[in-house]
Structures are given as C-alpha cells and as structure tokens.
C-alpha cells in the first residue's frame, strides 16, 4: 500500500517508517502499556532494526513487567496521536517488539491517547 487508506485511519509502509524514524530522531517519548498501567520510554533508547523490530535498550525496570504481554504503544507525532499493538519480549539487548504493519490514529475517546496528546505533543 504505502499510503494512508481513505477512511481507514491507518498509516502503512513508507509513512509508517518515516513517522517511526522521526519519533526516534526528534526524541518523542513512547507510552507502552496495558489497560491497567503504562510506562513512558525515552526514544533515545530505541533502535529500529531492519524495519521489522523495535528494540528498547536499557529499558526502565518497570517495562519488564510487560514482558510477554500484548501492549499498546502510543505517541504523538506532528500533533497527531498514533498507536499500535504488539507483544513485548525480553531479549539479550533489552526489550523488543515487532514493528506493526500499520500505525493507527488514536481514537479521541481513548484515555491513554488523550493523555499523551496533552503531555507529549511535538
């Protein structure tokens, strides 16, 4: 695909890569969590490997609580809140999750996205 589908509220391939690389370059924090709790991760500790894996090096200790769980990763880029779901796994270099096929625009009713929109907008 490569472009945002009309009406789908998703961003695919090229835009996804550009947005995620900008998140790292601009040091936009990520909020990783479940419906019950979340952790903010500094993007300075994040690396993207082959556009397939997002690696969190030297993760905050509280991030290990989410190991093996399906998490929602949220962030704000250019005043637009985005999110995606993935399973967070412990690896030798830190914590990692598979890069999603697409990024979702966060729903306004999503409390986590409202919070990151106000706290971390860049």
PDB file of N, CA and C in Angstrom:
ATOM      1  N   UNK A   1       0.816  -1.195   0.000  1.00  0.00           N
ATOM      2  CA  UNK A   1       0.000   0.000   0.000  1.00  0.00           C
ATOM      3  C   UNK A   1       0.858   1.257   0.000  1.00  0.00           C
ATOM      4  N   UNK A   2       1.467   1.587   1.149  1.00  0.00           N
ATOM      5  CA  UNK A   2       2.368   2.708   1.175  1.00  0.00           C
ATOM      6  C   UNK A   2       1.747   4.035   1.556  1.00  0.00           C
ATOM      7  N   UNK A   3       0.448   4.163   1.525  1.00  0.00           N
ATOM      8  CA  UNK A   3      -0.202   5.415   1.870  1.00  0.00           C
ATOM      9  C   UNK A   3      -1.364   5.152   2.807  1.00  0.00           C
ATOM     10  N   UNK A   4      -1.799   6.247   3.472  1.00  0.00           N
ATOM     11  CA  UNK A   4      -2.937   6.127   4.363  1.00  0.00           C
ATOM     12  C   UNK A   4      -4.169   5.794   3.531  1.00  0.00           C
ATOM     13  N   UNK A   5      -4.881   4.767   3.942  1.00  0.00           N
ATOM     14  CA  UNK A   5      -6.095   4.408   3.225  1.00  0.00           C
ATOM     15  C   UNK A   5      -7.203   5.375   3.602  1.00  0.00           C
ATOM     16  N   UNK A   6      -7.958   5.788   2.646  1.00  0.00           N
ATOM     17  CA  UNK A   6      -9.058   6.692   2.888  1.00  0.00           C
ATOM     18  C   UNK A   6     -10.068   6.046   3.829  1.00  0.00           C
ATOM     19  N   UNK A   7     -10.355   6.730   4.939  1.00  0.00           N
ATOM     20  CA  UNK A   7     -11.347   6.253   5.885  1.00  0.00           C
ATOM     21  C   UNK A   7     -10.859   5.179   6.839  1.00  0.00           C
ATOM     22  N   UNK A   8      -9.670   4.635   6.657  1.00  0.00           N
ATOM     23  CA  UNK A   8      -9.229   3.527   7.495  1.00  0.00           C
ATOM     24  C   UNK A   8      -8.578   3.971   8.794  1.00  0.00           C
ATOM     25  N   UNK A   9      -8.098   5.212   8.835  1.00  0.00           N
ATOM     26  CA  UNK A   9      -7.403   5.743   9.999  1.00  0.00           C
ATOM     27  C   UNK A   9      -6.175   4.911  10.337  1.00  0.00           C
ATOM     28  N   UNK A  10      -5.480   4.453   9.318  1.00  0.00           N
ATOM     29  CA  UNK A  10      -4.239   3.702   9.469  1.00  0.00           C
ATOM     30  C   UNK A  10      -3.184   4.283   8.538  1.00  0.00           C
ATOM     31  N   UNK A  11      -1.926   4.138   8.945  1.00  0.00           N
ATOM     32  CA  UNK A  11      -0.803   4.567   8.124  1.00  0.00           C
ATOM     33  C   UNK A  11       0.051   3.330   7.865  1.00  0.00           C
ATOM     34  N   UNK A  12       0.429   3.107   6.612  1.00  0.00           N
ATOM     35  CA  UNK A  12       1.167   1.915   6.217  1.00  0.00           C
ATOM     36  C   UNK A  12       2.574   2.252   5.725  1.00  0.00           C
ATOM     37  N   UNK A  13       3.395   1.245   5.587  1.00  0.00           N
ATOM     38  CA  UNK A  13       4.722   1.166   4.998  1.00  0.00           C
ATOM     39  C   UNK A  13       5.560   2.439   5.028  1.00  0.00           C
ATOM     40  N   UNK A  14       5.616   3.191   3.940  1.00  0.00           N
ATOM     41  CA  UNK A  14       6.538   4.318   3.836  1.00  0.00           C
ATOM     42  C   UNK A  14       6.251   5.359   4.908  1.00  0.00           C
ATOM     43  N   UNK A  15       5.007   5.760   5.053  1.00  0.00           N
ATOM     44  CA  UNK A  15       4.668   6.751   6.082  1.00  0.00           C
ATOM     45  C   UNK A  15       4.966   6.218   7.469  1.00  0.00           C
ATOM     46  N   UNK A  16       4.657   4.951   7.690  1.00  0.00           N
ATOM     47  CA  UNK A  16       4.939   4.324   8.985  1.00  0.00           C
ATOM     48  C   UNK A  16       6.427   4.418   9.288  1.00  0.00           C
ATOM     49  N   UNK A  17       7.268   4.074   8.326  1.00  0.00           N
ATOM     50  CA  UNK A  17       8.716   4.129   8.519  1.00  0.00           C
ATOM     51  C   UNK A  17       9.189   5.550   8.800  1.00  0.00           C
ATOM     52  N   UNK A  18       8.685   6.502   8.041  1.00  0.00           N
ATOM     53  CA  UNK A  18       9.076   7.905   8.231  1.00  0.00           C
ATOM     54  C   UNK A  18       8.668   8.387   9.610  1.00  0.00           C
ATOM     55  N   UNK A  19       7.450   8.067  10.015  1.00  0.00           N
ATOM     56  CA  UNK A  19       6.964   8.507  11.328  1.00  0.00           C
ATOM     57  C   UNK A  19       7.801   7.887  12.438  1.00  0.00           C
ATOM     58  N   UNK A  20       8.039   6.579  12.384  1.00  0.00           N
ATOM     59  CA  UNK A  20       8.804   5.932  13.450  1.00  0.00           C
ATOM     60  C   UNK A  20      10.255   6.414  13.488  1.00  0.00           C
ATOM     61  N   UNK A  21      10.858   6.653  12.334  1.00  0.00           N
ATOM     62  CA  UNK A  21      12.217   7.204  12.327  1.00  0.00           C
ATOM     63  C   UNK A  21      12.233   8.615  12.901  1.00  0.00           C
ATOM     64  N   UNK A  22      11.208   9.406  12.613  1.00  0.00           N
ATOM     65  CA  UNK A  22      11.120  10.761  13.159  1.00  0.00           C
ATOM     66  C   UNK A  22      10.914  10.749  14.668  1.00  0.00           C
ATOM     67  N   UNK A  23      10.162   9.772  15.141  1.00  0.00           N
ATOM     68  CA  UNK A  23       9.955   9.636  16.590  1.00  0.00           C
ATOM     69  C   UNK A  23      11.312   9.486  17.283  1.00  0.00           C
ATOM     70  N   UNK A  24      12.172   8.683  16.703  1.00  0.00           N
ATOM     71  CA  UNK A  24      13.498   8.464  17.287  1.00  0.00           C
ATOM     72  C   UNK A  24      14.370   9.709  17.116  1.00  0.00           C
ATOM     73  N   UNK A  25      14.400  10.259  15.922  1.00  0.00           N
ATOM     74  CA  UNK A  25      15.240  11.425  15.640  1.00  0.00           C
ATOM     75  C   UNK A  25      14.834  12.633  16.482  1.00  0.00           C
ATOM     76  N   UNK A  26      13.537  12.846  16.646  1.00  0.00           N
ATOM     77  CA  UNK A  26      13.040  14.001  17.414  1.00  0.00           C
ATOM     78  C   UNK A  26      12.907  13.702  18.905  1.00  0.00           C
ATOM     79  N   UNK A  27      13.255  12.470  19.285  1.00  0.00           N
ATOM     80  CA  UNK A  27      13.219  12.046  20.699  1.00  0.00           C
ATOM     81  C   UNK A  27      11.830  12.193  21.315  1.00  0.00           C
ATOM     82  N   UNK A  28      10.855  11.706  20.587  1.00  0.00           N
ATOM     83  CA  UNK A  28       9.472  11.717  21.070  1.00  0.00           C
ATOM     84  C   UNK A  28       9.281  10.487  21.956  1.00  0.00           C
ATOM     85  N   UNK A  29       8.829  10.671  23.199  1.00  0.00           N
ATOM     86  CA  UNK A  29       8.651   9.518  24.087  1.00  0.00           C
ATOM     87  C   UNK A  29       7.504   8.614  23.635  1.00  0.00           C
ATOM     88  N   UNK A  30       7.642   7.333  23.949  1.00  0.00           N
ATOM     89  CA  UNK A  30       6.591   6.352  23.694  1.00  0.00           C
ATOM     90  C   UNK A  30       5.954   5.975  25.021  1.00  0.00           C
ATOM     91  N   UNK A  31       4.658   5.760  25.003  1.00  0.00           N
ATOM     92  CA  UNK A  31       3.956   5.243  26.169  1.00  0.00           C
ATOM     93  C   UNK A  31       3.602   3.801  25.854  1.00  0.00           C
ATOM     94  N   UNK A  32       4.123   2.876  26.659  1.00  0.00           N
ATOM     95  CA  UNK A  32       3.911   1.443  26.467  1.00  0.00           C
ATOM     96  C   UNK A  32       3.086   0.948  27.632  1.00  0.00           C
ATOM     97  N   UNK A  33       1.993   0.237  27.344  1.00  0.00           N
ATOM     98  CA  UNK A  33       1.204  -0.248  28.458  1.00  0.00           C
ATOM     99  C   UNK A  33       0.034  -1.117  28.080  1.00  0.00           C
ATOM    100  N   UNK A  34      -0.716  -1.424  29.124  1.00  0.00           N
ATOM    101  CA  UNK A  34      -1.950  -2.190  29.005  1.00  0.00           C
ATOM    102  C   UNK A  34      -3.079  -1.307  29.499  1.00  0.00           C
ATOM    103  N   UNK A  35      -4.270  -1.858  29.580  1.00  0.00           N
ATOM    104  CA  UNK A  35      -5.401  -1.059  30.050  1.00  0.00           C
ATOM    105  C   UNK A  35      -5.254  -0.656  31.509  1.00  0.00           C
ATOM    106  N   UNK A  36      -4.409  -1.370  32.273  1.00  0.00           N
ATOM    107  CA  UNK A  36      -4.297  -1.076  33.701  1.00  0.00           C
ATOM    108  C   UNK A  36      -3.097  -0.213  34.089  1.00  0.00           C
ATOM    109  N   UNK A  37      -2.024  -0.200  33.283  1.00  0.00           N
ATOM    110  CA  UNK A  37      -0.858   0.616  33.627  1.00  0.00           C
ATOM    111  C   UNK A  37      -0.008   0.873  32.397  1.00  0.00           C
ATOM    112  N   UNK A  38       0.893   1.859  32.518  1.00  0.00           N
ATOM    113  CA  UNK A  38       1.755   2.193  31.389  1.00  0.00           C
ATOM    114  C   UNK A  38       3.092   2.729  31.878  1.00  0.00           C
ATOM    115  N   UNK A  39       4.058   2.737  30.962  1.00  0.00           N
ATOM    116  CA  UNK A  39       5.412   3.209  31.224  1.00  0.00           C
ATOM    117  C   UNK A  39       5.813   4.114  30.061  1.00  0.00           C
ATOM    118  N   UNK A  40       6.458   5.226  30.369  1.00  0.00           N
ATOM    119  CA  UNK A  40       6.974   6.101  29.327  1.00  0.00           C
ATOM    120  C   UNK A  40       8.408   5.695  29.016  1.00  0.00           C
ATOM    121  N   UNK A  41       8.705   5.543  27.716  1.00  0.00           N
ATOM    122  CA  UNK A  41      10.030   5.123  27.269  1.00  0.00           C
ATOM    123  C   UNK A  41      10.650   6.261  26.467  1.00  0.00           C
ATOM    124  N   UNK A  42      11.848   6.661  26.856  1.00  0.00           N
ATOM    125  CA  UNK A  42      12.584   7.697  26.138  1.00  0.00           C
ATOM    126  C   UNK A  42      13.029   7.144  24.792  1.00  0.00           C
ATOM    127  N   UNK A  43      12.732   7.855  23.732  1.00  0.00           N
ATOM    128  CA  UNK A  43      13.071   7.343  22.398  1.00  0.00           C
ATOM    129  C   UNK A  43      14.577   7.296  22.157  1.00  0.00           C
ATOM    130  N   UNK A  44      15.377   7.934  22.998  1.00  0.00           N
ATOM    131  CA  UNK A  44      16.834   7.856  22.847  1.00  0.00           C
ATOM    132  C   UNK A  44      17.330   6.429  23.047  1.00  0.00           C
ATOM    133  N   UNK A  45      16.539   5.610  23.736  1.00  0.00           N
ATOM    134  CA  UNK A  45      16.947   4.220  23.991  1.00  0.00           C
ATOM    135  C   UNK A  45      16.371   3.247  22.964  1.00  0.00           C
ATOM    136  N   UNK A  46      15.746   3.770  21.900  1.00  0.00           N
ATOM    137  CA  UNK A  46      15.065   2.925  20.918  1.00  0.00           C
ATOM    138  C   UNK A  46      15.859   2.858  19.617  1.00  0.00           C
ATOM    139  N   UNK A  47      15.912   1.662  19.057  1.00  0.00           N
ATOM    140  CA  UNK A  47      16.522   1.448  17.741  1.00  0.00           C
ATOM    141  C   UNK A  47      15.551   0.627  16.897  1.00  0.00           C
ATOM    142  N   UNK A  48      15.499   0.929  15.608  1.00  0.00           N
ATOM    143  CA  UNK A  48      14.686   0.160  14.674  1.00  0.00           C
ATOM    144  C   UNK A  48      15.628  -0.727  13.877  1.00  0.00           C
ATOM    145  N   UNK A  49      15.375  -2.025  13.897  1.00  0.00           N
ATOM    146  CA  UNK A  49      16.236  -2.989  13.217  1.00  0.00           C
ATOM    147  C   UNK A  49      15.550  -3.511  11.954  1.00  0.00           C
ATOM    148  N   UNK A  50      16.123  -3.222  10.804  1.00  0.00           N
ATOM    149  CA  UNK A  50      15.631  -3.713   9.516  1.00  0.00           C
ATOM    150  C   UNK A  50      14.144  -3.452   9.278  1.00  0.00           C
ATOM    151  N   UNK A  51      13.626  -2.367   9.808  1.00  0.00           N
ATOM    152  CA  UNK A  51      12.210  -2.021   9.660  1.00  0.00           C
ATOM    153  C   UNK A  51      11.282  -3.151  10.107  1.00  0.00           C
ATOM    154  N   UNK A  52      11.771  -3.999  11.014  1.00  0.00           N
ATOM    155  CA  UNK A  52      10.963  -5.123  11.478  1.00  0.00           C
ATOM    156  C   UNK A  52      10.846  -5.197  12.992  1.00  0.00           C
ATOM    157  N   UNK A  53      11.894  -4.806  13.693  1.00  0.00           N
ATOM    158  CA  UNK A  53      11.935  -4.935  15.145  1.00  0.00           C
ATOM    159  C   UNK A  53      12.236  -3.576  15.761  1.00  0.00           C
ATOM    160  N   UNK A  54      11.526  -3.241  16.817  1.00  0.00           N
ATOM    161  CA  UNK A  54      11.820  -2.045  17.602  1.00  0.00           C
ATOM    162  C   UNK A  54      12.459  -2.535  18.898  1.00  0.00           C
ATOM    163  N   UNK A  55      13.710  -2.122  19.121  1.00  0.00           N
ATOM    164  CA  UNK A  55      14.487  -2.548  20.274  1.00  0.00           C
ATOM    165  C   UNK A  55      14.582  -1.404  21.271  1.00  0.00           C
ATOM    166  N   UNK A  56      14.286  -1.704  22.529  1.00  0.00           N
ATOM    167  CA  UNK A  56      14.443  -0.732  23.615  1.00  0.00           C
ATOM    168  C   UNK A  56      15.662  -1.173  24.414  1.00  0.00           C
ATOM    169  N   UNK A  57      16.755  -0.424  24.270  1.00  0.00           N
ATOM    170  CA  UNK A  57      17.972  -0.739  25.005  1.00  0.00           C
ATOM    171  C   UNK A  57      17.943  -0.038  26.360  1.00  0.00           C
ATOM    172  N   UNK A  58      18.456  -0.686  27.374  1.00  0.00           N
ATOM    173  CA  UNK A  58      18.444  -0.140  28.733  1.00  0.00           C
ATOM    174  C   UNK A  58      17.045   0.344  29.117  1.00  0.00           C
ATOM    175  N   UNK A  59      16.054  -0.531  29.026  1.00  0.00           N
ATOM    176  CA  UNK A  59      14.676  -0.113  29.308  1.00  0.00           C
ATOM    177  C   UNK A  59      14.478   0.189  30.786  1.00  0.00           C
ATOM    178  N   UNK A  60      13.495   1.025  31.099  1.00  0.00           N
ATOM    179  CA  UNK A  60      13.170   1.240  32.512  1.00  0.00           C
ATOM    180  C   UNK A  60      12.764  -0.098  33.130  1.00  0.00           C
ATOM    181  N   UNK A  61      13.104  -0.315  34.380  1.00  0.00           N
ATOM    182  CA  UNK A  61      12.835  -1.613  35.014  1.00  0.00           C
ATOM    183  C   UNK A  61      11.352  -1.964  35.003  1.00  0.00           C
ATOM    184  N   UNK A  62      10.495  -0.961  35.080  1.00  0.00           N
ATOM    185  CA  UNK A  62       9.054  -1.231  35.088  1.00  0.00           C
ATOM    186  C   UNK A  62       8.559  -1.779  33.752  1.00  0.00           C
ATOM    187  N   UNK A  63       9.333  -1.603  32.678  1.00  0.00           N
ATOM    188  CA  UNK A  63       8.933  -2.133  31.374  1.00  0.00           C
ATOM    189  C   UNK A  63       8.972  -3.659  31.367  1.00  0.00           C
ATOM    190  N   UNK A  64       9.840  -4.253  32.190  1.00  0.00           N
ATOM    191  CA  UNK A  64       9.940  -5.715  32.248  1.00  0.00           C
ATOM    192  C   UNK A  64       8.642  -6.353  32.768  1.00  0.00           C
ATOM    193  N   UNK A  65       7.815  -5.571  33.480  1.00  0.00           N
ATOM    194  CA  UNK A  65       6.523  -6.080  33.952  1.00  0.00           C
ATOM    195  C   UNK A  65       5.610  -6.456  32.790  1.00  0.00           C
ATOM    196  N   UNK A  66       5.863  -5.882  31.616  1.00  0.00           N
ATOM    197  CA  UNK A  66       5.022  -6.134  30.446  1.00  0.00           C
ATOM    198  C   UNK A  66       5.572  -7.233  29.548  1.00  0.00           C
ATOM    199  N   UNK A  67       6.669  -7.867  29.949  1.00  0.00           N
ATOM    200  CA  UNK A  67       7.295  -8.898  29.131  1.00  0.00           C
ATOM    201  C   UNK A  67       6.313 -10.026  28.828  1.00  0.00           C
ATOM    202  N   UNK A  68       6.202 -10.378  27.549  1.00  0.00           N
ATOM    203  CA  UNK A  68       5.315 -11.444  27.113  1.00  0.00           C
ATOM    204  C   UNK A  68       3.859 -11.035  26.979  1.00  0.00           C
ATOM    205  N   UNK A  69       3.563  -9.773  27.236  1.00  0.00           N
ATOM    206  CA  UNK A  69       2.175  -9.305  27.174  1.00  0.00           C
ATOM    207  C   UNK A  69       1.923  -8.511  25.900  1.00  0.00           C
ATOM    208  N   UNK A  70       0.676  -8.530  25.467  1.00  0.00           N
ATOM    209  CA  UNK A  70       0.244  -7.683  24.371  1.00  0.00           C
ATOM    210  C   UNK A  70       0.105  -6.267  24.925  1.00  0.00           C
ATOM    211  N   UNK A  71       0.839  -5.320  24.342  1.00  0.00           N
ATOM    212  CA  UNK A  71       0.824  -3.946  24.829  1.00  0.00           C
ATOM    213  C   UNK A  71       0.363  -3.005  23.726  1.00  0.00           C
ATOM    214  N   UNK A  72      -0.045  -1.829  24.141  1.00  0.00           N
ATOM    215  CA  UNK A  72      -0.351  -0.751  23.218  1.00  0.00           C
ATOM    216  C   UNK A  72       0.781   0.259  23.347  1.00  0.00           C
ATOM    217  N   UNK A  73       1.351   0.644  22.216  1.00  0.00           N
ATOM    218  CA  UNK A  73       2.402   1.652  22.180  1.00  0.00           C
ATOM    219  C   UNK A  73       1.780   2.905  21.568  1.00  0.00           C
ATOM    220  N   UNK A  74       1.867   4.018  22.297  1.00  0.00           N
ATOM    221  CA  UNK A  74       1.244   5.265  21.850  1.00  0.00           C
ATOM    222  C   UNK A  74       2.274   6.388  21.837  1.00  0.00           C
ATOM    223  N   UNK A  75       2.085   7.341  20.930  1.00  0.00           N
ATOM    224  CA  UNK A  75       2.951   8.514  20.858  1.00  0.00           C
ATOM    225  C   UNK A  75       2.246   9.577  20.029  1.00  0.00           C
ATOM    226  N   UNK A  76       2.788  10.799  20.078  1.00  0.00           N
ATOM    227  CA  UNK A  76       2.232  11.898  19.299  1.00  0.00           C
ATOM    228  C   UNK A  76       3.299  12.393  18.347  1.00  0.00           C
ATOM    229  N   UNK A  77       2.948  12.470  17.075  1.00  0.00           N
ATOM    230  CA  UNK A  77       3.852  12.974  16.042  1.00  0.00           C
ATOM    231  C   UNK A  77       3.118  14.057  15.261  1.00  0.00           C
ATOM    232  N   UNK A  78       3.705  15.245  15.182  1.00  0.00           N
ATOM    233  CA  UNK A  78       3.084  16.393  14.494  1.00  0.00           C
ATOM    234  C   UNK A  78       1.656  16.631  14.984  1.00  0.00           C
ATOM    235  N   UNK A  79       1.473  16.585  16.284  1.00  0.00           N
ATOM    236  CA  UNK A  79       0.189  16.841  16.950  1.00  0.00           C
ATOM    237  C   UNK A  79      -0.876  15.789  16.657  1.00  0.00           C
ATOM    238  N   UNK A  80      -0.485  14.658  16.101  1.00  0.00           N
ATOM    239  CA  UNK A  80      -1.429  13.576  15.806  1.00  0.00           C
ATOM    240  C   UNK A  80      -1.059  12.373  16.672  1.00  0.00           C
ATOM    241  N   UNK A  81      -2.005  11.891  17.497  1.00  0.00           N
ATOM    242  CA  UNK A  81      -1.712  10.706  18.312  1.00  0.00           C
ATOM    243  C   UNK A  81      -1.826   9.421  17.496  1.00  0.00           C
ATOM    244  N   UNK A  82      -0.827   8.555  17.636  1.00  0.00           N
ATOM    245  CA  UNK A  82      -0.786   7.265  16.963  1.00  0.00           C
ATOM    246  C   UNK A  82      -0.629   6.161  17.999  1.00  0.00           C
ATOM    247  N   UNK A  83      -0.996   4.947  17.603  1.00  0.00           N
ATOM    248  CA  UNK A  83      -0.773   3.793  18.468  1.00  0.00           C
ATOM    249  C   UNK A  83      -0.661   2.538  17.615  1.00  0.00           C
ATOM    250  N   UNK A  84      -0.127   1.498  18.236  1.00  0.00           N
ATOM    251  CA  UNK A  84      -0.124   0.178  17.627  1.00  0.00           C
ATOM    252  C   UNK A  84      -0.025  -0.843  18.746  1.00  0.00           C
ATOM    253  N   UNK A  85      -0.386  -2.083  18.424  1.00  0.00           N
ATOM    254  CA  UNK A  85      -0.310  -3.169  19.395  1.00  0.00           C
ATOM    255  C   UNK A  85       0.774  -4.148  18.993  1.00  0.00           C
ATOM    256  N   UNK A  86       1.434  -4.700  20.002  1.00  0.00           N
ATOM    257  CA  UNK A  86       2.463  -5.697  19.760  1.00  0.00           C
ATOM    258  C   UNK A  86       2.712  -6.450  21.059  1.00  0.00           C
ATOM    259  N   UNK A  87       3.395  -7.575  20.966  1.00  0.00           N
ATOM    260  CA  UNK A  87       3.793  -8.323  22.162  1.00  0.00           C
ATOM    261  C   UNK A  87       5.217  -7.891  22.505  1.00  0.00           C
ATOM    262  N   UNK A  88       5.413  -7.462  23.733  1.00  0.00           N
ATOM    263  CA  UNK A  88       6.724  -7.028  24.199  1.00  0.00           C
ATOM    264  C   UNK A  88       7.493  -8.238  24.701  1.00  0.00           C
ATOM    265  N   UNK A  89       8.732  -8.392  24.236  1.00  0.00           N
ATOM    266  CA  UNK A  89       9.528  -9.560  24.615  1.00  0.00           C
ATOM    267  C   UNK A  89      10.873  -9.132  25.177  1.00  0.00           C
ATOM    268  N   UNK A  90      11.339  -9.893  26.156  1.00  0.00           N
ATOM    269  CA  UNK A  90      12.662  -9.674  26.704  1.00  0.00           C
ATOM    270  C   UNK A  90      13.670 -10.348  25.778  1.00  0.00           C
ATOM    271  N   UNK A  91      14.719  -9.602  25.387  1.00  0.00           N
ATOM    272  CA  UNK A  91      15.798 -10.127  24.556  1.00  0.00           C
ATOM    273  C   UNK A  91      17.119  -9.766  25.224  1.00  0.00           C
ATOM    274  N   UNK A  92      18.211 -10.329  24.737  1.00  0.00           N
ATOM    275  CA  UNK A  92      19.507 -10.103  25.387  1.00  0.00           C
ATOM    276  C   UNK A  92      19.908  -8.624  25.404  1.00  0.00           C
ATOM    277  N   UNK A  93      19.476  -7.855  24.414  1.00  0.00           N
ATOM    278  CA  UNK A  93      19.851  -6.437  24.331  1.00  0.00           C
ATOM    279  C   UNK A  93      18.862  -5.507  25.015  1.00  0.00           C
ATOM    280  N   UNK A  94      17.806  -6.044  25.637  1.00  0.00           N
ATOM    281  CA  UNK A  94      16.806  -5.217  26.305  1.00  0.00           C
ATOM    282  C   UNK A  94      15.410  -5.780  26.130  1.00  0.00           C
ATOM    283  N   UNK A  95      14.505  -4.963  25.603  1.00  0.00           N
ATOM    284  CA  UNK A  95      13.132  -5.373  25.320  1.00  0.00           C
ATOM    285  C   UNK A  95      12.863  -5.064  23.848  1.00  0.00           C
ATOM    286  N   UNK A  96      12.009  -5.872  23.219  1.00  0.00           N
ATOM    287  CA  UNK A  96      11.753  -5.671  21.791  1.00  0.00           C
ATOM    288  C   UNK A  96      10.322  -6.035  21.446  1.00  0.00           C
ATOM    289  N   UNK A  97       9.837  -5.430  20.372  1.00  0.00           N
ATOM    290  CA  UNK A  97       8.553  -5.827  19.813  1.00  0.00           C
ATOM    291  C   UNK A  97       8.629  -5.711  18.310  1.00  0.00           C
ATOM    292  N   UNK A  98       7.776  -6.476  17.647  1.00  0.00           N
ATOM    293  CA  UNK A  98       7.730  -6.490  16.191  1.00  0.00           C
ATOM    294  C   UNK A  98       7.068  -5.202  15.720  1.00  0.00           C
ATOM    295  N   UNK A  99       7.678  -4.589  14.723  1.00  0.00           N
ATOM    296  CA  UNK A  99       7.106  -3.382  14.158  1.00  0.00           C
ATOM    297  C   UNK A  99       5.787  -3.744  13.480  1.00  0.00           C
ATOM    298  N   UNK A 100       4.754  -2.979  13.720  1.00  0.00           N
ATOM    299  CA  UNK A 100       3.454  -3.305  13.140  1.00  0.00           C
ATOM    300  C   UNK A 100       3.417  -3.028  11.647  1.00  0.00           C
ATOM    301  N   UNK A 101       2.482  -3.692  10.973  1.00  0.00           N
ATOM    302  CA  UNK A 101       2.268  -3.430   9.549  1.00  0.00           C
ATOM    303  C   UNK A 101       1.752  -2.012   9.338  1.00  0.00           C
ATOM    304  N   UNK A 102       1.000  -1.521  10.316  1.00  0.00           N
ATOM    305  CA  UNK A 102       0.427  -0.178  10.195  1.00  0.00           C
ATOM    306  C   UNK A 102       0.390   0.496  11.556  1.00  0.00           C
ATOM    307  N   UNK A 103       0.250   1.819  11.533  1.00  0.00           N
ATOM    308  CA  UNK A 103       0.022   2.613  12.736  1.00  0.00           C
ATOM    309  C   UNK A 103      -1.429   3.056  12.708  1.00  0.00           C
ATOM    310  N   UNK A 104      -2.065   3.054  13.855  1.00  0.00           N
ATOM    311  CA  UNK A 104      -3.448   3.508  13.958  1.00  0.00           C
ATOM    312  C   UNK A 104      -3.478   4.929  14.488  1.00  0.00           C
ATOM    313  N   UNK A 105      -4.404   5.727  13.967  1.00  0.00           N
ATOM    314  CA  UNK A 105      -4.673   7.002  14.595  1.00  0.00           C
ATOM    315  C   UNK A 105      -5.419   6.683  15.879  1.00  0.00           C
ATOM    316  N   UNK A 106      -5.015   7.288  16.987  1.00  0.00           N
ATOM    317  CA  UNK A 106      -5.685   7.021  18.264  1.00  0.00           C
ATOM    318  C   UNK A 106      -7.080   7.614  18.242  1.00  0.00           C
ATOM    319  N   UNK A 107      -7.996   6.882  18.832  1.00  0.00           N
ATOM    320  CA  UNK A 107      -9.363   7.369  18.975  1.00  0.00           C
ATOM    321  C   UNK A 107      -9.404   8.426  20.068  1.00  0.00           C
ATOM    322  N   UNK A 108     -10.168   9.478  19.847  1.00  0.00           N
ATOM    323  CA  UNK A 108     -10.278  10.547  20.840  1.00  0.00           C
ATOM    324  C   UNK A 108     -10.791  10.040  22.186  1.00  0.00           C
ATOM    325  N   UNK A 109     -11.616   8.999  22.166  1.00  0.00           N
ATOM    326  CA  UNK A 109     -12.172   8.501  23.414  1.00  0.00           C
ATOM    327  C   UNK A 109     -11.177   7.649  24.195  1.00  0.00           C
ATOM    328  N   UNK A 110     -10.036   7.325  23.610  1.00  0.00           N
ATOM    329  CA  UNK A 110      -9.016   6.526  24.273  1.00  0.00           C
ATOM    330  C   UNK A 110      -8.290   7.403  25.289  1.00  0.00           C
ATOM    331  N   UNK A 111      -8.453   7.114  26.567  1.00  0.00           N
ATOM    332  CA  UNK A 111      -7.888   7.939  27.638  1.00  0.00           C
ATOM    333  C   UNK A 111      -6.375   8.029  27.540  1.00  0.00           C
ATOM    334  N   UNK A 112      -5.698   6.927  27.202  1.00  0.00           N
ATOM    335  CA  UNK A 112      -4.236   6.941  27.094  1.00  0.00           C
ATOM    336  C   UNK A 112      -3.788   7.895  25.991  1.00  0.00           C
ATOM    337  N   UNK A 113      -4.513   7.902  24.882  1.00  0.00           N
ATOM    338  CA  UNK A 113      -4.146   8.788  23.784  1.00  0.00           C
ATOM    339  C   UNK A 113      -4.428  10.244  24.130  1.00  0.00           C
ATOM    340  N   UNK A 114      -5.492  10.518  24.844  1.00  0.00           N
ATOM    341  CA  UNK A 114      -5.765  11.879  25.286  1.00  0.00           C
ATOM    342  C   UNK A 114      -4.643  12.377  26.176  1.00  0.00           C
ATOM    343  N   UNK A 115      -4.157  11.490  27.073  1.00  0.00           N
ATOM    344  CA  UNK A 115      -3.092  11.869  27.995  1.00  0.00           C
ATOM    345  C   UNK A 115      -1.806  12.166  27.229  1.00  0.00           C
ATOM    346  N   UNK A 116      -1.399  11.291  26.301  1.00  0.00           N
ATOM    347  CA  UNK A 116      -0.160  11.554  25.582  1.00  0.00           C
ATOM    348  C   UNK A 116      -0.313  12.750  24.671  1.00  0.00           C
ATOM    349  N   UNK A 117      -1.510  13.001  24.152  1.00  0.00           N
ATOM    350  CA  UNK A 117      -1.718  14.160  23.302  1.00  0.00           C
ATOM    351  C   UNK A 117      -1.446  15.449  24.067  1.00  0.00           C
ATOM    352  N   UNK A 118      -1.851  15.500  25.326  1.00  0.00           N
ATOM    353  CA  UNK A 118      -1.633  16.706  26.108  1.00  0.00           C
ATOM    354  C   UNK A 118      -0.234  16.767  26.692  1.00  0.00           C
ATOM    355  N   UNK A 119       0.346  15.615  27.077  1.00  0.00           N
ATOM    356  CA  UNK A 119       1.649  15.618  27.736  1.00  0.00           C
ATOM    357  C   UNK A 119       2.832  15.653  26.784  1.00  0.00           C
ATOM    358  N   UNK A 120       2.730  15.009  25.609  1.00  0.00           N
ATOM    359  CA  UNK A 120       3.906  14.795  24.784  1.00  0.00           C
ATOM    360  C   UNK A 120       3.776  15.318  23.365  1.00  0.00           C
ATOM    361  N   UNK A 121       2.886  16.206  23.101  1.00  0.00           N
ATOM    362  CA  UNK A 121       2.722  16.684  21.734  1.00  0.00           C
ATOM    363  C   UNK A 121       3.956  17.451  21.288  1.00  0.00           C
ATOM    364  N   UNK A 122       4.415  17.155  20.067  1.00  0.00           N
ATOM    365  CA  UNK A 122       5.590  17.814  19.491  1.00  0.00           C
ATOM    366  C   UNK A 122       5.193  18.454  18.185  1.00  0.00           C
TER     367      UNK A 122
END
